[in-house]
N, C-alpha and C. Protein backbone atom coordinates (compact mmCIF):
# COMPACT_ATOMS: atom_id res chain seq x y z
N UNK A 1 118.52 87.72 101.86
CA UNK A 1 118.01 87.87 103.21
C UNK A 1 116.51 87.61 103.20
N UNK A 2 116.07 86.64 103.94
CA UNK A 2 114.66 86.29 103.99
C UNK A 2 113.97 86.95 105.19
N UNK A 3 112.66 86.87 105.21
CA UNK A 3 111.89 87.36 106.35
C UNK A 3 111.13 86.19 106.96
N UNK A 4 110.95 86.24 108.27
CA UNK A 4 110.21 85.20 108.97
C UNK A 4 108.71 85.46 108.88
N UNK A 5 107.94 84.45 109.19
CA UNK A 5 106.49 84.60 109.22
C UNK A 5 106.09 85.74 110.15
N UNK A 6 106.71 85.81 111.32
CA UNK A 6 106.38 86.84 112.30
C UNK A 6 106.67 88.24 111.75
N UNK A 7 107.82 88.40 111.07
CA UNK A 7 108.17 89.70 110.49
C UNK A 7 107.17 90.09 109.40
N UNK A 8 106.78 89.13 108.59
CA UNK A 8 105.84 89.40 107.50
C UNK A 8 104.47 89.74 108.06
N UNK A 9 104.01 89.00 109.06
CA UNK A 9 102.71 89.28 109.67
C UNK A 9 102.69 90.69 110.27
N UNK A 10 103.76 91.07 110.95
CA UNK A 10 103.85 92.42 111.54
C UNK A 10 103.85 93.49 110.44
N UNK A 11 104.61 93.25 109.38
CA UNK A 11 104.65 94.19 108.26
C UNK A 11 103.27 94.34 107.61
N UNK A 12 102.61 93.22 107.36
CA UNK A 12 101.29 93.27 106.73
C UNK A 12 100.28 93.98 107.63
N UNK A 13 100.33 93.75 108.94
CA UNK A 13 99.41 94.41 109.86
C UNK A 13 99.61 95.93 109.84
N UNK A 14 100.87 96.35 109.72
CA UNK A 14 101.17 97.79 109.71
C UNK A 14 100.86 98.45 108.37
N UNK A 15 101.19 97.77 107.27
CA UNK A 15 101.09 98.38 105.95
C UNK A 15 99.81 98.04 105.18
N UNK A 16 99.21 96.90 105.49
CA UNK A 16 97.99 96.45 104.80
C UNK A 16 96.95 95.98 105.81
N UNK A 17 96.54 96.86 106.74
CA UNK A 17 95.60 96.42 107.78
C UNK A 17 94.24 96.02 107.22
N UNK A 18 93.94 96.42 105.99
CA UNK A 18 92.65 96.09 105.38
C UNK A 18 92.56 94.65 104.89
N UNK A 19 93.69 93.95 104.77
CA UNK A 19 93.64 92.60 104.22
C UNK A 19 92.98 91.63 105.19
N UNK A 20 92.21 90.72 104.64
CA UNK A 20 91.58 89.67 105.45
C UNK A 20 92.34 88.36 105.30
N UNK A 21 93.46 88.41 104.60
CA UNK A 21 94.28 87.21 104.40
C UNK A 21 95.07 86.89 105.65
N UNK A 22 95.18 85.60 105.95
CA UNK A 22 95.93 85.13 107.11
C UNK A 22 97.12 84.31 106.62
N UNK A 23 98.31 84.67 107.08
CA UNK A 23 99.51 83.92 106.72
C UNK A 23 99.57 82.67 107.59
N UNK A 24 99.45 81.52 106.95
CA UNK A 24 99.49 80.25 107.68
C UNK A 24 100.93 79.74 107.81
N UNK A 25 101.70 79.86 106.72
CA UNK A 25 103.10 79.46 106.74
C UNK A 25 103.83 80.15 105.61
N UNK A 26 105.13 80.29 105.77
CA UNK A 26 105.97 80.90 104.73
C UNK A 26 107.40 80.40 104.91
N UNK A 27 108.06 80.15 103.79
CA UNK A 27 109.48 79.81 103.80
C UNK A 27 110.09 80.38 102.52
N UNK A 28 111.32 80.00 102.21
CA UNK A 28 111.99 80.59 101.05
C UNK A 28 111.51 80.03 99.72
N UNK A 29 110.61 79.07 99.74
CA UNK A 29 110.09 78.48 98.51
C UNK A 29 108.65 78.89 98.21
N UNK A 30 107.92 79.35 99.23
CA UNK A 30 106.53 79.70 99.01
C UNK A 30 105.80 80.06 100.29
N UNK A 31 104.48 80.06 100.19
CA UNK A 31 103.66 80.46 101.34
C UNK A 31 102.28 79.81 101.22
N UNK A 32 101.63 79.69 102.37
CA UNK A 32 100.23 79.24 102.42
C UNK A 32 99.46 80.30 103.18
N UNK A 33 98.36 80.76 102.59
CA UNK A 33 97.50 81.75 103.21
C UNK A 33 96.07 81.23 103.23
N UNK A 34 95.25 81.84 104.08
CA UNK A 34 93.82 81.51 104.11
C UNK A 34 93.02 82.81 104.14
N UNK A 35 91.75 82.69 103.79
CA UNK A 35 90.84 83.84 103.78
C UNK A 35 89.47 83.32 104.18
N UNK A 36 88.93 83.83 105.28
CA UNK A 36 87.59 83.44 105.70
C UNK A 36 86.57 83.95 104.69
N UNK A 37 85.50 83.19 104.54
CA UNK A 37 84.44 83.55 103.60
C UNK A 37 83.16 83.86 104.37
N UNK A 38 82.63 85.02 104.11
CA UNK A 38 81.36 85.44 104.70
C UNK A 38 80.51 86.07 103.62
N UNK A 39 79.43 86.68 104.01
CA UNK A 39 78.50 87.27 103.05
C UNK A 39 79.17 88.36 102.21
N UNK A 40 80.16 89.07 102.76
CA UNK A 40 80.83 90.14 102.02
C UNK A 40 81.69 89.62 100.87
N UNK A 41 82.04 88.35 100.91
CA UNK A 41 82.90 87.76 99.87
C UNK A 41 82.12 87.07 98.76
N UNK A 42 80.81 87.05 98.88
CA UNK A 42 79.99 86.32 97.91
C UNK A 42 79.43 87.24 96.83
N UNK A 43 79.25 86.66 95.66
CA UNK A 43 78.61 87.36 94.54
C UNK A 43 77.25 86.70 94.32
N UNK A 44 76.41 87.29 93.49
CA UNK A 44 75.13 86.64 93.20
C UNK A 44 75.34 85.20 92.73
N UNK A 45 74.50 84.33 93.21
CA UNK A 45 74.64 82.91 92.90
C UNK A 45 75.30 82.15 94.04
N UNK A 46 75.72 82.89 95.08
CA UNK A 46 76.27 82.25 96.27
C UNK A 46 77.66 81.69 96.13
N UNK A 47 78.45 82.24 95.22
CA UNK A 47 79.82 81.77 95.08
C UNK A 47 80.79 82.87 95.51
N UNK A 48 82.00 82.49 95.83
CA UNK A 48 83.03 83.45 96.21
C UNK A 48 83.36 84.30 94.99
N UNK A 49 83.45 85.60 95.18
CA UNK A 49 83.68 86.50 94.05
C UNK A 49 85.10 86.37 93.51
N UNK A 50 85.24 86.64 92.22
CA UNK A 50 86.54 86.61 91.57
C UNK A 50 87.56 87.54 92.21
N UNK A 51 87.17 88.78 92.55
CA UNK A 51 88.13 89.68 93.18
C UNK A 51 88.70 89.14 94.51
N UNK A 52 87.91 88.40 95.26
CA UNK A 52 88.41 87.79 96.50
C UNK A 52 89.48 86.76 96.17
N UNK A 53 89.21 85.93 95.17
CA UNK A 53 90.18 84.91 94.77
C UNK A 53 91.46 85.54 94.23
N UNK A 54 91.31 86.58 93.42
CA UNK A 54 92.50 87.27 92.89
C UNK A 54 93.29 87.93 94.01
N UNK A 55 92.59 88.49 94.97
CA UNK A 55 93.25 89.17 96.08
C UNK A 55 94.10 88.22 96.91
N UNK A 56 93.54 87.09 97.31
CA UNK A 56 94.32 86.16 98.14
C UNK A 56 95.50 85.60 97.35
N UNK A 57 95.32 85.38 96.05
CA UNK A 57 96.43 84.88 95.24
C UNK A 57 97.55 85.92 95.15
N UNK A 58 97.17 87.17 94.92
CA UNK A 58 98.15 88.26 94.83
C UNK A 58 98.90 88.42 96.15
N UNK A 59 98.18 88.39 97.24
CA UNK A 59 98.82 88.52 98.56
C UNK A 59 99.72 87.31 98.83
N UNK A 60 99.30 86.12 98.42
CA UNK A 60 100.11 84.92 98.64
C UNK A 60 101.46 85.02 97.93
N UNK A 61 101.44 85.52 96.70
CA UNK A 61 102.70 85.68 95.97
C UNK A 61 103.57 86.71 96.67
N UNK A 62 102.99 87.83 97.06
CA UNK A 62 103.74 88.89 97.75
C UNK A 62 104.38 88.35 99.03
N UNK A 63 103.61 87.63 99.83
CA UNK A 63 104.12 87.07 101.08
C UNK A 63 105.25 86.07 100.80
N UNK A 64 105.06 85.22 99.80
CA UNK A 64 106.11 84.26 99.45
C UNK A 64 107.39 84.97 99.05
N UNK A 65 107.26 86.05 98.29
CA UNK A 65 108.44 86.82 97.88
C UNK A 65 109.13 87.42 99.09
N UNK A 66 108.36 88.02 100.00
CA UNK A 66 108.96 88.60 101.21
C UNK A 66 109.67 87.52 102.03
N UNK A 67 109.11 86.32 102.05
CA UNK A 67 109.75 85.21 102.74
C UNK A 67 111.08 84.84 102.12
N UNK A 68 111.22 85.11 100.84
CA UNK A 68 112.45 84.77 100.13
C UNK A 68 113.48 85.89 100.15
N UNK A 69 113.05 87.14 99.86
CA UNK A 69 114.01 88.24 99.70
C UNK A 69 114.03 89.21 100.87
N UNK A 70 113.16 89.03 101.84
CA UNK A 70 113.06 89.96 102.96
C UNK A 70 112.00 91.01 102.69
N UNK A 71 111.83 91.91 103.64
CA UNK A 71 110.81 92.95 103.53
C UNK A 71 111.29 94.02 102.54
N UNK A 72 110.76 93.93 101.33
CA UNK A 72 111.04 94.93 100.28
C UNK A 72 109.66 95.46 99.87
N UNK A 73 109.19 96.52 100.57
CA UNK A 73 107.81 96.98 100.41
C UNK A 73 107.41 97.35 99.00
N UNK A 74 108.31 97.88 98.19
CA UNK A 74 107.94 98.36 96.86
C UNK A 74 108.01 97.29 95.79
N UNK A 75 108.10 96.04 96.16
CA UNK A 75 107.95 94.95 95.22
C UNK A 75 106.49 94.96 94.77
N UNK A 76 106.26 95.02 93.45
CA UNK A 76 104.89 95.22 92.96
C UNK A 76 104.50 94.19 91.90
N UNK A 77 103.20 93.95 91.81
CA UNK A 77 102.65 93.05 90.80
C UNK A 77 102.78 93.70 89.43
N UNK A 78 103.30 92.93 88.47
CA UNK A 78 103.34 93.42 87.09
C UNK A 78 102.40 92.62 86.19
N UNK A 79 102.04 91.42 86.63
CA UNK A 79 101.14 90.58 85.84
C UNK A 79 100.46 89.58 86.77
N UNK A 80 99.18 89.33 86.52
CA UNK A 80 98.44 88.34 87.30
C UNK A 80 97.42 87.70 86.37
N UNK A 81 97.54 86.39 86.18
CA UNK A 81 96.63 85.64 85.32
C UNK A 81 95.94 84.59 86.16
N UNK A 82 94.62 84.54 86.06
CA UNK A 82 93.86 83.58 86.86
C UNK A 82 92.96 82.75 85.95
N UNK A 83 92.91 81.47 86.25
CA UNK A 83 91.99 80.56 85.59
C UNK A 83 91.03 80.03 86.65
N UNK A 84 89.75 80.35 86.49
CA UNK A 84 88.73 79.87 87.41
C UNK A 84 88.34 78.47 86.96
N UNK A 85 88.46 77.50 87.85
CA UNK A 85 88.28 76.10 87.48
C UNK A 85 86.94 75.51 87.92
N UNK A 86 86.49 75.88 89.11
CA UNK A 86 85.20 75.37 89.61
C UNK A 86 84.71 76.31 90.70
N UNK A 87 83.44 76.16 91.02
CA UNK A 87 82.80 77.02 92.02
C UNK A 87 83.35 76.71 93.42
N UNK A 88 83.90 77.73 94.09
CA UNK A 88 84.36 77.51 95.46
C UNK A 88 83.17 77.42 96.43
N UNK A 89 83.38 76.76 97.53
CA UNK A 89 82.35 76.67 98.55
C UNK A 89 82.15 78.03 99.22
N UNK A 90 80.91 78.36 99.46
CA UNK A 90 80.62 79.61 100.17
C UNK A 90 80.68 79.42 101.68
N UNK A 91 80.95 78.20 102.11
CA UNK A 91 80.95 77.89 103.54
C UNK A 91 82.32 77.42 104.05
N UNK A 92 83.36 77.61 103.25
CA UNK A 92 84.70 77.17 103.67
C UNK A 92 85.72 78.25 103.35
N UNK A 93 86.76 78.31 104.17
CA UNK A 93 87.84 79.26 103.89
C UNK A 93 88.49 78.93 102.55
N UNK A 94 89.02 79.95 101.91
CA UNK A 94 89.84 79.75 100.72
C UNK A 94 91.28 79.57 101.19
N UNK A 95 91.93 78.55 100.66
CA UNK A 95 93.33 78.28 100.97
C UNK A 95 94.15 78.55 99.72
N UNK A 96 95.21 79.33 99.87
CA UNK A 96 96.11 79.66 98.76
C UNK A 96 97.47 79.04 99.03
N UNK A 97 97.91 78.18 98.12
CA UNK A 97 99.23 77.56 98.23
C UNK A 97 100.10 78.12 97.12
N UNK A 98 101.11 78.91 97.51
CA UNK A 98 101.97 79.58 96.53
C UNK A 98 103.34 78.93 96.49
N UNK A 99 103.84 78.75 95.28
CA UNK A 99 105.21 78.29 95.06
C UNK A 99 105.90 79.30 94.17
N UNK A 100 107.11 79.69 94.55
CA UNK A 100 107.88 80.59 93.70
C UNK A 100 108.52 79.76 92.60
N UNK A 101 108.26 80.14 91.36
CA UNK A 101 108.74 79.37 90.21
C UNK A 101 110.09 79.86 89.71
N UNK A 102 110.29 81.17 89.71
CA UNK A 102 111.55 81.75 89.26
C UNK A 102 111.82 83.00 90.09
N UNK A 103 113.01 83.06 90.64
CA UNK A 103 113.40 84.22 91.43
C UNK A 103 114.63 84.84 90.78
N UNK A 104 114.42 85.96 90.11
CA UNK A 104 115.52 86.68 89.48
C UNK A 104 115.84 87.93 90.29
N UNK A 105 116.77 88.72 89.78
CA UNK A 105 117.15 89.95 90.47
C UNK A 105 116.05 91.00 90.41
N UNK A 106 115.35 91.06 89.27
CA UNK A 106 114.34 92.11 89.11
C UNK A 106 112.92 91.58 88.92
N UNK A 107 112.77 90.32 88.52
CA UNK A 107 111.43 89.75 88.34
C UNK A 107 111.33 88.41 89.08
N UNK A 108 110.17 88.21 89.70
CA UNK A 108 109.90 86.96 90.41
C UNK A 108 108.53 86.45 89.95
N UNK A 109 108.48 85.16 89.62
CA UNK A 109 107.24 84.54 89.15
C UNK A 109 106.78 83.53 90.19
N UNK A 110 105.50 83.62 90.55
CA UNK A 110 104.92 82.69 91.51
C UNK A 110 103.66 82.05 90.95
N UNK A 111 103.38 80.86 91.44
CA UNK A 111 102.19 80.12 91.04
C UNK A 111 101.36 79.84 92.28
N UNK A 112 100.05 80.01 92.18
CA UNK A 112 99.16 79.81 93.32
C UNK A 112 98.04 78.84 92.94
N UNK A 113 97.84 77.87 93.81
CA UNK A 113 96.70 76.96 93.69
C UNK A 113 95.71 77.35 94.78
N UNK A 114 94.47 77.60 94.39
CA UNK A 114 93.43 77.99 95.34
C UNK A 114 92.45 76.85 95.55
N UNK A 115 92.09 76.61 96.82
CA UNK A 115 91.19 75.53 97.19
C UNK A 115 90.15 76.04 98.18
N UNK A 116 89.00 75.40 98.21
CA UNK A 116 88.08 75.56 99.33
C UNK A 116 88.58 74.61 100.40
N UNK A 117 88.71 75.11 101.62
CA UNK A 117 89.24 74.27 102.70
C UNK A 117 88.46 72.96 102.81
N UNK A 118 89.18 71.87 102.93
CA UNK A 118 88.56 70.56 103.05
C UNK A 118 88.39 69.83 101.74
N UNK A 119 88.71 70.48 100.63
CA UNK A 119 88.59 69.86 99.31
C UNK A 119 89.95 69.84 98.63
N UNK A 120 90.23 68.77 97.92
CA UNK A 120 91.49 68.68 97.18
C UNK A 120 91.32 69.15 95.74
N UNK A 121 90.10 69.56 95.38
CA UNK A 121 89.84 70.06 94.03
C UNK A 121 90.18 71.55 93.94
N UNK A 122 91.10 71.90 93.04
CA UNK A 122 91.51 73.28 92.88
C UNK A 122 90.34 74.10 92.32
N UNK A 123 90.08 75.28 92.92
CA UNK A 123 89.03 76.16 92.42
C UNK A 123 89.56 77.20 91.44
N UNK A 124 90.86 77.50 91.54
CA UNK A 124 91.47 78.45 90.60
C UNK A 124 92.98 78.24 90.59
N UNK A 125 93.57 78.59 89.46
CA UNK A 125 95.03 78.52 89.29
C UNK A 125 95.50 79.90 88.86
N UNK A 126 96.55 80.40 89.51
CA UNK A 126 97.02 81.76 89.28
C UNK A 126 98.52 81.76 89.05
N UNK A 127 98.97 82.58 88.11
CA UNK A 127 100.39 82.83 87.91
C UNK A 127 100.58 84.34 87.94
N UNK A 128 101.54 84.78 88.73
CA UNK A 128 101.80 86.21 88.84
C UNK A 128 103.27 86.53 88.75
N UNK A 129 103.57 87.70 88.23
CA UNK A 129 104.94 88.19 88.15
C UNK A 129 105.02 89.48 88.95
N UNK A 130 106.08 89.59 89.73
CA UNK A 130 106.34 90.78 90.52
C UNK A 130 107.66 91.40 90.09
N UNK A 131 107.72 92.71 90.17
CA UNK A 131 108.95 93.45 89.90
C UNK A 131 109.57 93.86 91.23
N UNK A 132 110.86 93.58 91.37
CA UNK A 132 111.60 93.94 92.57
C UNK A 132 112.38 95.21 92.27
N UNK A 133 112.23 96.24 93.13
CA UNK A 133 112.96 97.49 92.85
C UNK A 133 114.46 97.29 93.00
N UNK A 134 115.24 98.09 92.28
CA UNK A 134 116.69 97.97 92.42
C UNK A 134 117.11 98.32 93.84
N UNK A 135 118.14 97.62 94.32
CA UNK A 135 118.65 97.88 95.66
C UNK A 135 119.26 99.27 95.72
N UNK A 136 118.94 99.97 96.78
CA UNK A 136 119.51 101.29 96.99
C UNK A 136 120.83 101.14 97.74
N UNK A 137 121.89 101.60 97.15
CA UNK A 137 123.22 101.47 97.80
C UNK A 137 123.83 102.79 98.06
């Protein structure tokens, strides 16, 4: 059972109102999210901070999973690996393109490519694993 973009947006607004991530699209294979960049997202040197990049990647995987399996709130991150590839623009939104690589009963692996909006050069590559709680019957 999958969840629609509208269902996921409503769930995120209710359960994670602090997130600045915007769900652009979602289907059963993945999701695309964006994150506006302002002074709060920058680190010394004028680049987007690593925690911001990790956050949007983590949320992108979570959203993609919800798009595939439905709203299962207690699905949690068990592993997140990020490779920073180049300096993101401090003047463009970050775009996260997530693809689900493996969907099992208890573990789901997703891959995220992060870009500065308007550039085709990847700024970071992320792989994350999530644990899905057992179904309550």
